[in-house]
Amino acid sequence: MPLRVILAGYNVDLDALKEYKSRNVLLTPELISAAYARISRSPKSVDTLRANARHEVAKARKSNRNIIFEMGHHSVAEHAVFNFDILGISRKAIEEFEKFRLCSYTEKSQRYVTLKGDYVVPKELKDKELRKEFRETVHLQNEIYSRLFEKIKTYNFSRFPQLVKDTKDRRLLENLAKEDARYILSLATQTQVGATINARNLELMIRRFASHKLAEMRDLGKQLFNCVKRISPSIILFYAANDYDAKTYSEIDKHVCQMDIRKTAKSTVEVKLIEYTPDGDDRILAALLFRTSGKDYAQGLRVVRHMSQKEKLTLFKKACAHLELYDVVLREFEYADLTYALVVSAGCFGQLKRHRIASSVWSEYDPSLGVTIPESVKAVGETKRFLEIVEQVNRTYYKIEKCLPGVGSYILTNAHRRRVLMKVNLRELYHISRLREDPTAQWDIRNIAHKMSALAKKAMPVTAMLLGCKSDYPKIYKKLYGHYPRVKTVPVP
């Protein structure tokens, strides 16, 4: 299936929608954007501003351009929102697409859907022999995927025969087989995604993709632009390729090569806490005092630093006494940071990248970092064959990379690893811990999240005490408070 982008929907003025049939009013998200942009400078009521925009579309569009281009108020474009169906996109390209943190994505999961072997052949592969080897390698990966799925599924059924009888439990065992078998699949594997993007972020996305080194990303950018250029010409303005996006990292890369720092030994430790706010506990507690006492922050910090450990713990317990497993910890927990150096598989990274509030940067996949092999693959006696396929994949990768740098990673598997530098505040780590340490989470990211939490508890022994998965939360809470929290449930209507 070739890459396809379909405009699935966009927000419109409800009154324009009501008037559409009788007055043929133009339906475009620009009208709301233009009306809201005028709120700050007009004495008119906002509903009047919307009516004016509906009846004077050309004027509304001109207003948008002036406010965005001349005044630099790009935020008004955030009032225009688009929905896209994106089909036939590779797993490799999805990683680039989902870099944009202020957008919403729902992706076809390789954990729950049995894949049929569809994949993307990079347009850069012009050489017939190289293209043939790429195809043969992917076909081999897909064959092994099917074989692994069947063997692991049979293995899971034999381990838990009591679960096979129930349809829901049987599906769970099948899904566990899918999520482990996928580790041999290539990043060229096709997927699909539904995305919701406001115009400001869409413009940035289109501009970045126009400058991208991969043809698939440039094609994606063109299709996104073609979907909206006639509907919203006044709010998608800066979309052309530029040197900043096209050249910056490549020029840094050339400079780094000259520094000759890449010959140093490579660490493959999965999780390292390389930096953290040294007095993180004190800073979070001081922020709580600032919020509630009327003291300035510096005064609050001095007060906390003179507290005993028992007094600090008491203040922390006050902040979390009513915290249920579904609650978010207080915003004051954002005043302590932790930076992790991670080595994760592509399978794990596919989930880790979803935590977009964190600050994450990553390097390209590197075969020298080895691969992550699921325990189930070992249990069914397929480790040797798995590694044989990985070796063949690596050979194809290096052949492609030699003449087409950056394209070789399409052939790499979900088992291959990359380095990630991830900075989180403690509040975000609580979210990651609740979600990703849970028994329902996938084992690979569960392992990473557990190690992150363990290191955080050593760095911030007071405010990180309640870190842990949602399933264990009652037990964690009881250990600190001596009783279980009272979980309030909302009755189903």
Protein backbone atom coordinates (compact mmCIF):
# COMPACT_ATOMS: atom_id res chain seq x y z
CA MET A 1 0.00 0.00 0.00
CA PRO A 2 1.50 3.39 -0.95
CA LEU A 3 1.58 6.17 1.62
CA ARG A 4 -1.79 7.94 1.78
CA VAL A 5 -2.89 10.94 3.83
CA ILE A 6 -6.61 11.63 4.10
CA LEU A 7 -8.06 14.74 5.72
CA ALA A 8 -10.62 13.15 8.03
CA GLY A 9 -11.99 16.30 9.60
CA TYR A 10 -11.38 19.78 10.98
CA ASN A 11 -13.11 22.15 13.39
CA VAL A 12 -15.61 24.65 12.06
CA ASP A 13 -17.79 27.38 13.50
CA LEU A 14 -21.04 25.68 14.55
CA ASP A 15 -23.10 28.64 13.36
CA ALA A 16 -21.37 28.41 9.97
CA LEU A 17 -22.36 24.76 9.86
CA LYS A 18 -25.98 25.67 10.57
CA GLU A 19 -25.93 28.34 7.85
CA TYR A 20 -24.04 26.22 5.33
CA LYS A 21 -26.99 24.84 3.36
CA SER A 22 -29.05 28.03 3.28
CA ARG A 23 -26.28 30.56 2.67
CA ASN A 24 -23.42 28.42 1.32
CA VAL A 25 -21.07 29.69 4.05
CA LEU A 26 -17.46 28.55 3.66
CA LEU A 27 -16.54 25.86 6.17
CA THR A 28 -12.96 26.45 7.28
CA PRO A 29 -11.20 26.46 10.67
CA GLU A 30 -9.71 29.84 9.70
CA LEU A 31 -12.95 31.56 10.76
CA ILE A 32 -12.62 30.55 14.40
CA SER A 33 -8.91 31.34 14.33
CA ALA A 34 -9.56 34.84 12.93
CA ALA A 35 -12.40 35.56 15.36
CA TYR A 36 -10.42 34.51 18.41
CA ALA A 37 -7.37 36.43 17.21
CA ARG A 38 -9.41 39.65 17.41
CA ILE A 39 -10.58 39.14 20.99
CA SER A 40 -7.56 40.88 22.49
CA ARG A 41 -8.02 44.08 20.45
CA SER A 42 -11.76 44.40 19.87
CA PRO A 43 -14.52 45.57 22.25
CA LYS A 44 -17.03 43.36 20.40
CA SER A 45 -18.31 40.15 21.98
CA VAL A 46 -16.66 36.97 20.77
CA ASP A 47 -19.87 35.62 19.16
CA THR A 48 -20.11 38.85 17.16
CA LEU A 49 -16.49 38.45 16.08
CA ARG A 50 -17.29 34.93 14.87
CA ALA A 51 -20.29 36.21 12.92
CA ASN A 52 -18.14 38.90 11.29
CA ALA A 53 -15.55 36.29 10.29
CA ARG A 54 -18.24 34.03 8.79
CA HIS A 55 -19.64 36.80 6.62
CA GLU A 56 -16.28 38.34 5.63
CA VAL A 57 -14.04 35.36 4.87
CA ALA A 58 -11.52 37.28 2.74
CA LYS A 59 -11.14 39.86 5.50
CA ALA A 60 -10.77 37.10 8.10
CA ARG A 61 -8.00 35.45 6.08
CA LYS A 62 -6.17 38.73 5.65
CA SER A 63 -6.43 39.31 9.39
CA ASN A 64 -4.93 35.87 10.07
CA ARG A 65 -1.98 36.54 7.78
CA ASN A 66 -1.29 39.92 9.35
CA ILE A 67 -1.50 38.65 12.90
CA ILE A 68 0.67 35.57 12.23
CA PHE A 69 3.17 36.99 9.74
CA GLU A 70 3.51 40.66 10.68
CA MET A 71 2.83 40.52 14.42
CA GLY A 72 4.30 37.06 15.01
CA HIS A 73 1.34 35.78 17.03
CA HIS A 74 1.48 32.15 15.83
CA SER A 75 -0.64 30.98 18.75
CA VAL A 76 -3.85 32.03 16.97
CA ALA A 77 -3.25 29.16 14.52
CA GLU A 78 -3.71 26.73 17.41
CA HIS A 79 -7.46 27.38 17.27
CA ALA A 80 -7.59 25.53 13.93
CA VAL A 81 -7.46 21.77 14.36
CA PHE A 82 -7.22 18.99 11.74
CA ASN A 83 -7.72 15.21 11.83
CA PHE A 84 -5.76 12.97 9.46
CA ASP A 85 -5.90 9.30 8.47
CA ILE A 86 -2.36 8.22 7.56
CA LEU A 87 -2.03 4.83 5.90
CA GLY A 88 0.87 2.85 4.47
CA ILE A 89 3.49 4.63 6.60
CA SER A 90 6.54 2.74 7.87
CA ARG A 91 7.43 2.21 11.53
CA LYS A 92 10.62 4.14 10.76
CA ALA A 93 8.64 7.16 9.55
CA ILE A 94 6.20 6.98 12.47
CA GLU A 95 9.08 7.72 14.84
CA GLU A 96 9.80 10.94 12.95
CA PHE A 97 6.12 11.84 12.69
CA GLU A 98 5.46 11.39 16.41
CA LYS A 99 8.37 13.60 17.48
CA PHE A 100 5.96 16.53 17.67
CA ARG A 101 4.83 16.59 21.26
CA LEU A 102 1.77 18.86 21.06
CA CYS A 103 -0.18 16.60 18.72
CA SER A 104 -2.36 13.54 19.36
CA TYR A 105 -1.71 10.14 17.78
CA THR A 106 -3.39 6.74 17.87
CA GLU A 107 -1.35 4.09 16.09
CA LYS A 108 -2.03 0.57 14.89
CA SER A 109 -0.35 -1.63 17.49
CA GLN A 110 1.94 -4.49 16.58
CA ARG A 111 1.11 -5.87 20.02
CA TYR A 112 -2.57 -6.46 19.25
CA VAL A 113 -2.80 -6.82 15.47
CA THR A 114 -1.45 -9.81 13.53
CA LEU A 115 0.62 -8.30 10.73
CA LYS A 116 0.36 -9.44 7.11
CA GLY A 117 3.84 -8.54 5.91
CA ASP A 118 3.20 -5.16 4.24
CA TYR A 119 6.30 -2.99 4.20
CA VAL A 120 7.80 0.16 2.68
CA VAL A 121 10.69 0.00 0.22
CA PRO A 122 12.59 3.30 0.58
CA LYS A 123 12.57 5.33 -2.64
CA GLU A 124 16.28 5.97 -2.12
CA LEU A 125 17.02 2.30 -2.97
CA LYS A 126 17.60 2.76 -6.70
CA ASP A 127 20.23 0.02 -7.05
CA LYS A 128 18.50 -3.18 -8.25
CA GLU A 129 20.72 -5.59 -6.32
CA LEU A 130 20.48 -3.63 -3.10
CA ARG A 131 16.72 -3.32 -3.54
CA LYS A 132 16.48 -7.08 -4.14
CA GLU A 133 18.51 -7.86 -1.02
CA PHE A 134 16.36 -5.47 1.00
CA ARG A 135 13.17 -7.22 -0.14
CA GLU A 136 14.59 -10.71 0.47
CA THR A 137 15.69 -9.77 3.98
CA VAL A 138 12.29 -8.27 4.87
CA HIS A 139 10.49 -11.34 3.49
CA LEU A 140 12.71 -13.54 5.65
CA GLN A 141 11.92 -11.40 8.71
CA ASN A 142 8.21 -11.67 7.98
CA GLU A 143 8.43 -15.47 7.61
CA ILE A 144 10.21 -15.79 10.96
CA TYR A 145 7.63 -13.46 12.53
CA SER A 146 4.84 -15.87 11.52
CA ARG A 147 6.81 -18.85 12.77
CA LEU A 148 7.62 -17.19 16.09
CA PHE A 149 4.02 -16.11 16.59
CA GLU A 150 2.69 -19.64 16.16
CA LYS A 151 5.39 -21.22 18.36
CA ILE A 152 5.08 -18.65 21.15
CA LYS A 153 1.28 -18.82 21.02
CA THR A 154 1.41 -22.63 21.39
CA TYR A 155 3.93 -22.22 24.21
CA ASN A 156 1.68 -19.72 26.02
CA PHE A 157 -1.34 -22.02 25.64
CA SER A 158 0.64 -24.93 27.13
CA ARG A 159 1.78 -22.82 30.08
CA PHE A 160 -1.68 -21.52 30.92
CA PRO A 161 -4.20 -24.19 29.80
CA GLN A 162 -6.81 -22.85 32.21
CA LEU A 163 -6.87 -19.51 30.36
CA VAL A 164 -7.35 -21.01 26.89
CA LYS A 165 -11.00 -21.84 27.57
CA ASP A 166 -12.02 -18.21 28.06
CA THR A 167 -12.16 -16.13 24.86
CA LYS A 168 -10.80 -12.98 26.51
CA ASP A 169 -7.92 -14.79 28.22
CA ARG A 170 -7.11 -16.73 25.05
CA ARG A 171 -6.86 -13.45 23.14
CA LEU A 172 -4.52 -12.14 25.84
CA LEU A 173 -2.19 -15.11 25.34
CA GLU A 174 -2.28 -14.57 21.58
CA ASN A 175 -1.46 -10.87 22.02
CA LEU A 176 1.51 -11.74 24.21
CA ALA A 177 2.78 -13.93 21.37
CA LYS A 178 2.31 -11.09 18.87
CA GLU A 179 4.17 -8.58 21.01
CA ASP A 180 7.20 -10.88 21.31
CA ALA A 181 7.21 -12.15 17.71
CA ARG A 182 7.27 -8.56 16.43
CA TYR A 183 10.84 -8.12 17.73
CA ILE A 184 12.13 -9.67 14.49
CA LEU A 185 10.07 -7.38 12.22
CA SER A 186 11.73 -4.55 10.33
CA LEU A 187 11.19 -0.84 10.82
CA ALA A 188 10.04 -0.85 7.18
CA THR A 189 6.84 -2.61 8.32
CA GLN A 190 3.77 -0.60 7.38
CA THR A 191 1.32 0.75 9.91
CA GLN A 192 -1.41 3.36 10.11
CA VAL A 193 -2.19 6.20 12.47
CA GLY A 194 -4.94 8.68 13.24
CA ALA A 195 -3.62 12.14 14.13
CA THR A 196 -5.10 15.35 15.50
CA ILE A 197 -2.92 18.41 14.89
CA ASN A 198 -3.48 22.13 15.31
CA ALA A 199 -2.41 24.42 12.47
CA ARG A 200 0.58 25.85 14.29
CA ASN A 201 2.12 22.44 14.84
CA LEU A 202 1.05 21.26 11.40
CA GLU A 203 2.94 24.12 9.77
CA LEU A 204 6.07 23.23 11.76
CA MET A 205 5.66 19.58 10.83
CA ILE A 206 5.27 20.31 7.11
CA ARG A 207 8.31 22.62 7.14
CA ARG A 208 10.49 20.07 8.95
CA PHE A 209 9.44 17.28 6.59
CA ALA A 210 10.18 19.44 3.54
CA SER A 211 13.81 19.55 4.72
CA HIS A 212 14.03 15.89 5.76
CA LYS A 213 16.68 13.59 4.30
CA LEU A 214 14.23 10.67 3.89
CA ALA A 215 11.99 10.65 0.81
CA GLU A 216 9.13 9.06 2.78
CA MET A 217 9.05 12.02 5.17
CA ARG A 218 9.17 14.57 2.33
CA ASP A 219 6.26 12.73 0.69
CA LEU A 220 4.32 12.76 3.97
CA GLY A 221 4.87 16.50 4.33
CA LYS A 222 3.65 17.18 0.78
CA GLN A 223 0.50 15.14 1.29
CA LEU A 224 -0.29 16.87 4.59
CA PHE A 225 0.12 20.26 2.93
CA ASN A 226 -2.01 19.29 -0.06
CA CYS A 227 -4.82 18.30 2.31
CA VAL A 228 -5.06 21.74 3.93
CA LYS A 229 -3.64 24.32 1.54
CA ARG A 230 -7.01 25.21 -0.01
CA ILE A 231 -8.98 24.99 3.23
CA SER A 232 -6.69 27.12 5.39
CA PRO A 233 -4.31 29.18 3.27
CA SER A 234 -4.06 31.99 5.83
CA ILE A 235 -2.71 29.93 8.75
CA ILE A 236 -0.23 27.55 7.06
CA LEU A 237 2.34 30.12 5.92
CA PHE A 238 5.90 28.97 6.65
CA TYR A 239 6.02 25.53 5.06
CA ALA A 240 9.00 25.59 2.67
CA ALA A 241 12.28 23.69 3.19
CA ASN A 242 15.02 25.69 4.92
CA ASP A 243 18.72 25.37 5.74
CA TYR A 244 18.14 25.34 9.51
CA ASP A 245 16.15 22.09 9.37
CA ALA A 246 18.07 20.60 6.45
CA LYS A 247 21.67 21.24 7.47
CA THR A 248 22.07 21.82 11.21
CA TYR A 249 22.42 18.23 12.44
CA SER A 250 24.46 17.09 9.45
CA GLU A 251 26.94 19.92 10.01
CA ILE A 252 27.17 19.06 13.72
CA ASP A 253 27.75 15.43 12.70
CA LYS A 254 30.64 16.40 10.40
CA HIS A 255 32.18 18.47 13.17
CA VAL A 256 31.85 15.60 15.66
CA CYS A 257 33.56 13.22 13.20
CA GLN A 258 36.56 15.55 13.11
CA MET A 259 36.72 15.50 16.92
CA ASP A 260 37.37 11.73 16.79
CA ILE A 261 35.31 10.94 19.90
CA ARG A 262 33.47 7.95 18.42
CA LYS A 263 36.28 5.48 19.05
CA THR A 264 35.62 5.42 22.79
CA ALA A 265 34.09 2.30 24.32
CA LYS A 266 30.30 2.12 24.20
CA SER A 267 28.29 1.44 27.34
CA THR A 268 25.24 -0.79 26.91
CA VAL A 269 23.82 -0.26 30.41
CA GLU A 270 20.07 0.04 29.90
CA VAL A 271 19.34 2.76 32.47
CA LYS A 272 21.70 5.31 34.00
CA LEU A 273 20.68 8.29 36.09
CA ILE A 274 23.31 10.73 34.86
CA GLU A 275 22.00 13.94 36.43
CA TYR A 276 19.32 15.03 38.87
CA THR A 277 18.33 17.98 41.03
CA PRO A 278 20.59 17.29 44.03
CA ASP A 279 18.18 18.78 46.57
CA GLY A 280 15.07 17.68 44.69
CA ASP A 281 13.14 16.73 47.82
CA ASP A 282 13.79 20.15 49.36
CA ARG A 283 12.83 22.04 46.21
CA ILE A 284 9.52 20.21 45.82
CA LEU A 285 8.62 20.74 49.48
CA ALA A 286 9.66 24.41 49.23
CA ALA A 287 7.36 24.81 46.23
CA LEU A 288 4.53 23.42 48.38
CA LEU A 289 5.30 26.01 51.07
CA PHE A 290 5.40 28.75 48.43
CA ARG A 291 1.97 27.72 47.17
CA THR A 292 0.32 27.64 50.59
CA SER A 293 2.19 29.89 53.07
CA GLY A 294 2.60 33.19 51.27
CA LYS A 295 6.38 33.06 51.75
CA ASP A 296 8.61 33.64 48.77
CA TYR A 297 10.37 30.57 47.37
CA ALA A 298 13.79 31.37 48.84
CA GLN A 299 12.28 31.67 52.33
CA GLY A 300 10.46 28.37 51.88
CA LEU A 301 13.64 26.64 50.76
CA ARG A 302 15.51 27.87 53.84
CA VAL A 303 12.70 26.60 56.06
CA VAL A 304 12.73 23.15 54.44
CA ARG A 305 16.51 22.86 54.68
CA HIS A 306 16.25 23.31 58.45
CA MET A 307 13.60 20.59 58.75
CA SER A 308 14.43 17.12 60.07
CA GLN A 309 13.88 14.15 57.77
CA LYS A 310 10.79 13.27 59.82
CA GLU A 311 9.34 16.78 59.31
CA LYS A 312 9.98 16.59 55.56
CA LEU A 313 8.23 13.23 55.42
CA THR A 314 5.24 14.64 57.30
CA LEU A 315 4.90 17.50 54.80
CA PHE A 316 5.16 15.07 51.88
CA LYS A 317 2.48 12.85 53.40
CA LYS A 318 0.16 15.84 53.75
CA ALA A 319 0.61 16.52 50.02
CA CYS A 320 -0.32 12.96 49.05
CA ALA A 321 -2.79 11.89 51.72
CA HIS A 322 -5.78 12.01 49.37
CA LEU A 323 -3.91 10.83 46.27
CA GLU A 324 -5.78 8.02 44.53
CA LEU A 325 -4.15 5.68 42.01
CA TYR A 326 -5.79 7.57 39.13
CA ASP A 327 -4.76 11.06 40.39
CA VAL A 328 -1.84 13.13 39.14
CA VAL A 329 0.62 14.29 41.80
CA LEU A 330 0.66 18.03 42.50
CA ARG A 331 2.28 20.42 40.03
CA GLU A 332 4.92 21.32 42.61
CA PHE A 333 6.53 17.94 41.86
CA GLU A 334 7.72 19.45 38.57
CA TYR A 335 10.43 21.40 40.42
CA ALA A 336 12.87 18.48 40.54
CA ASP A 337 14.38 16.93 37.40
CA LEU A 338 16.06 13.64 36.54
CA THR A 339 18.05 12.93 33.37
CA TYR A 340 18.48 9.34 32.23
CA ALA A 341 20.79 7.80 29.65
CA LEU A 342 18.86 4.83 28.22
CA VAL A 343 19.69 2.03 25.80
CA VAL A 344 16.38 0.69 24.52
CA SER A 345 15.07 -1.56 21.77
CA ALA A 346 12.96 -0.20 18.93
CA GLY A 347 10.04 -2.11 20.43
CA CYS A 348 10.49 -0.33 23.73
CA PHE A 349 11.17 3.03 22.11
CA GLY A 350 7.86 2.85 20.25
CA GLN A 351 6.17 3.19 23.64
CA LEU A 352 8.72 5.42 25.37
CA LYS A 353 8.35 8.11 22.68
CA ARG A 354 4.68 8.48 23.61
CA HIS A 355 5.72 10.30 26.79
CA ARG A 356 6.01 13.60 24.97
CA ILE A 357 5.95 15.90 28.01
CA ALA A 358 9.40 14.56 28.85
CA SER A 359 12.43 16.02 27.05
CA SER A 360 13.82 13.23 24.89
CA VAL A 361 16.48 13.18 22.20
CA TRP A 362 17.86 10.06 20.58
CA SER A 363 20.57 8.86 18.25
CA GLU A 364 20.12 6.52 15.29
CA TYR A 365 19.73 2.78 15.87
CA ASP A 366 23.15 1.18 16.28
CA PRO A 367 23.67 -2.56 15.59
CA SER A 368 26.81 -2.49 17.75
CA LEU A 369 24.55 -2.02 20.81
CA GLY A 370 23.20 -5.54 20.26
CA VAL A 371 19.57 -6.62 20.34
CA THR A 372 16.87 -7.28 22.92
CA ILE A 373 15.61 -10.87 22.69
CA PRO A 374 12.26 -11.72 24.32
CA GLU A 375 12.42 -14.51 26.91
CA SER A 376 9.67 -16.35 25.04
CA VAL A 377 11.92 -16.60 21.96
CA LYS A 378 14.51 -18.30 24.14
CA ALA A 379 11.88 -20.54 25.72
CA VAL A 380 10.72 -21.93 22.36
CA GLY A 381 14.29 -22.64 21.26
CA GLU A 382 14.49 -19.95 18.57
CA THR A 383 17.37 -17.85 19.93
CA LYS A 384 19.93 -19.20 17.45
CA ARG A 385 17.66 -18.62 14.44
CA PHE A 386 16.69 -15.19 15.77
CA LEU A 387 20.34 -14.14 15.96
CA GLU A 388 21.06 -15.59 12.51
CA ILE A 389 18.35 -13.35 11.07
CA VAL A 390 19.76 -10.40 13.00
CA GLU A 391 23.19 -11.05 11.49
CA GLN A 392 21.73 -11.07 7.99
CA VAL A 393 19.81 -7.89 8.77
CA ASN A 394 23.02 -6.26 9.99
CA ARG A 395 24.86 -7.18 6.79
CA THR A 396 22.12 -5.64 4.67
CA TYR A 397 22.05 -2.58 6.92
CA TYR A 398 25.77 -1.89 6.54
CA LYS A 399 25.58 -2.32 2.76
CA ILE A 400 22.78 0.26 2.54
CA GLU A 401 24.37 2.66 5.02
CA LYS A 402 27.64 2.65 3.13
CA CYS A 403 26.04 4.30 0.09
CA LEU A 404 22.81 5.73 1.59
CA PRO A 405 23.42 6.98 5.15
CA GLY A 406 20.24 7.05 7.22
CA VAL A 407 18.31 4.68 4.97
CA GLY A 408 19.74 1.43 6.35
CA SER A 409 17.71 1.60 9.54
CA TYR A 410 14.56 0.68 7.57
CA ILE A 411 15.82 -2.92 7.59
CA LEU A 412 16.65 -3.05 11.31
CA THR A 413 14.36 -4.97 13.65
CA ASN A 414 12.30 -4.01 16.66
CA ALA A 415 14.99 -5.79 18.68
CA HIS A 416 17.75 -3.37 17.63
CA ARG A 417 18.73 -0.70 20.11
CA ARG A 418 19.34 3.02 20.24
CA ARG A 419 20.46 5.52 22.85
CA VAL A 420 17.92 7.92 24.36
CA LEU A 421 18.63 10.91 26.57
CA MET A 422 15.47 11.48 28.60
CA LYS A 423 14.87 14.29 31.07
CA VAL A 424 11.75 14.16 33.23
CA ASN A 425 10.47 16.06 36.21
CA LEU A 426 9.30 13.94 39.12
CA ARG A 427 5.65 14.59 38.33
CA GLU A 428 6.06 13.11 34.85
CA LEU A 429 8.04 10.18 36.25
CA TYR A 430 5.08 9.38 38.51
CA HIS A 431 2.91 9.16 35.39
CA ILE A 432 5.43 6.92 33.60
CA SER A 433 5.80 4.72 36.66
CA ARG A 434 2.04 4.29 37.20
CA LEU A 435 1.47 3.33 33.58
CA ARG A 436 4.61 1.49 32.51
CA GLU A 437 5.52 -0.48 35.65
CA ASP A 438 2.09 -2.08 35.80
CA PRO A 439 1.77 -5.83 35.08
CA THR A 440 -0.48 -4.95 32.13
CA ALA A 441 2.37 -2.98 30.53
CA GLN A 442 4.68 -4.58 27.96
CA TRP A 443 7.65 -6.31 29.62
CA ASP A 444 10.41 -4.35 27.85
CA ILE A 445 9.30 -0.86 28.85
CA ARG A 446 8.19 -2.20 32.24
CA ASN A 447 11.80 -3.23 32.88
CA ILE A 448 13.10 0.22 31.86
CA ALA A 449 10.50 2.11 33.92
CA HIS A 450 11.19 0.00 37.01
CA LYS A 451 14.90 0.81 36.85
CA MET A 452 14.16 4.50 36.37
CA SER A 453 11.93 4.53 39.46
CA ALA A 454 14.47 2.65 41.58
CA LEU A 455 17.17 5.21 40.77
CA ALA A 456 14.79 8.11 41.43
CA LYS A 457 13.97 6.77 44.89
CA LYS A 458 17.66 6.84 45.79
CA ALA A 459 18.03 10.40 44.48
CA MET A 460 14.84 11.74 46.11
CA PRO A 461 14.07 9.41 49.03
CA VAL A 462 11.12 11.46 50.34
CA THR A 463 9.13 12.76 47.37
CA ALA A 464 9.66 9.65 45.23
CA MET A 465 8.34 7.27 47.91
CA LEU A 466 5.02 6.64 46.17
CA LEU A 467 6.49 5.74 42.79
CA GLY A 468 5.19 2.41 41.52
CA CYS A 469 2.62 0.84 39.25
CA LYS A 470 -1.10 1.46 39.65
CA SER A 471 -1.75 -2.18 40.58
CA ASP A 472 0.67 -1.94 43.53
CA TYR A 473 -0.44 1.52 44.60
CA PRO A 474 -2.72 0.40 47.48
CA LYS A 475 0.17 -1.64 48.91
CA ILE A 476 2.67 1.22 48.45
CA TYR A 477 0.23 3.66 50.05
CA LYS A 478 -0.45 1.36 53.01
CA LYS A 479 3.27 0.98 53.68
CA LEU A 480 3.57 4.76 54.04
CA TYR A 481 0.25 5.62 55.71
CA GLY A 482 -0.68 2.40 57.48
CA HIS A 483 -4.00 1.96 55.64
CA TYR A 484 -5.35 1.66 52.11
CA PRO A 485 -6.59 4.79 50.34
CA ARG A 486 -10.31 5.03 49.91
CA VAL A 487 -10.80 4.65 46.18
CA LYS A 488 -13.95 6.45 45.09
CA THR A 489 -15.67 4.98 42.06
CA VAL A 490 -18.16 6.71 39.82
CA PRO A 491 -21.27 4.60 39.16
CA VAL A 492 -21.86 3.68 35.54
CA PRO A 493 -25.00 5.52 34.31
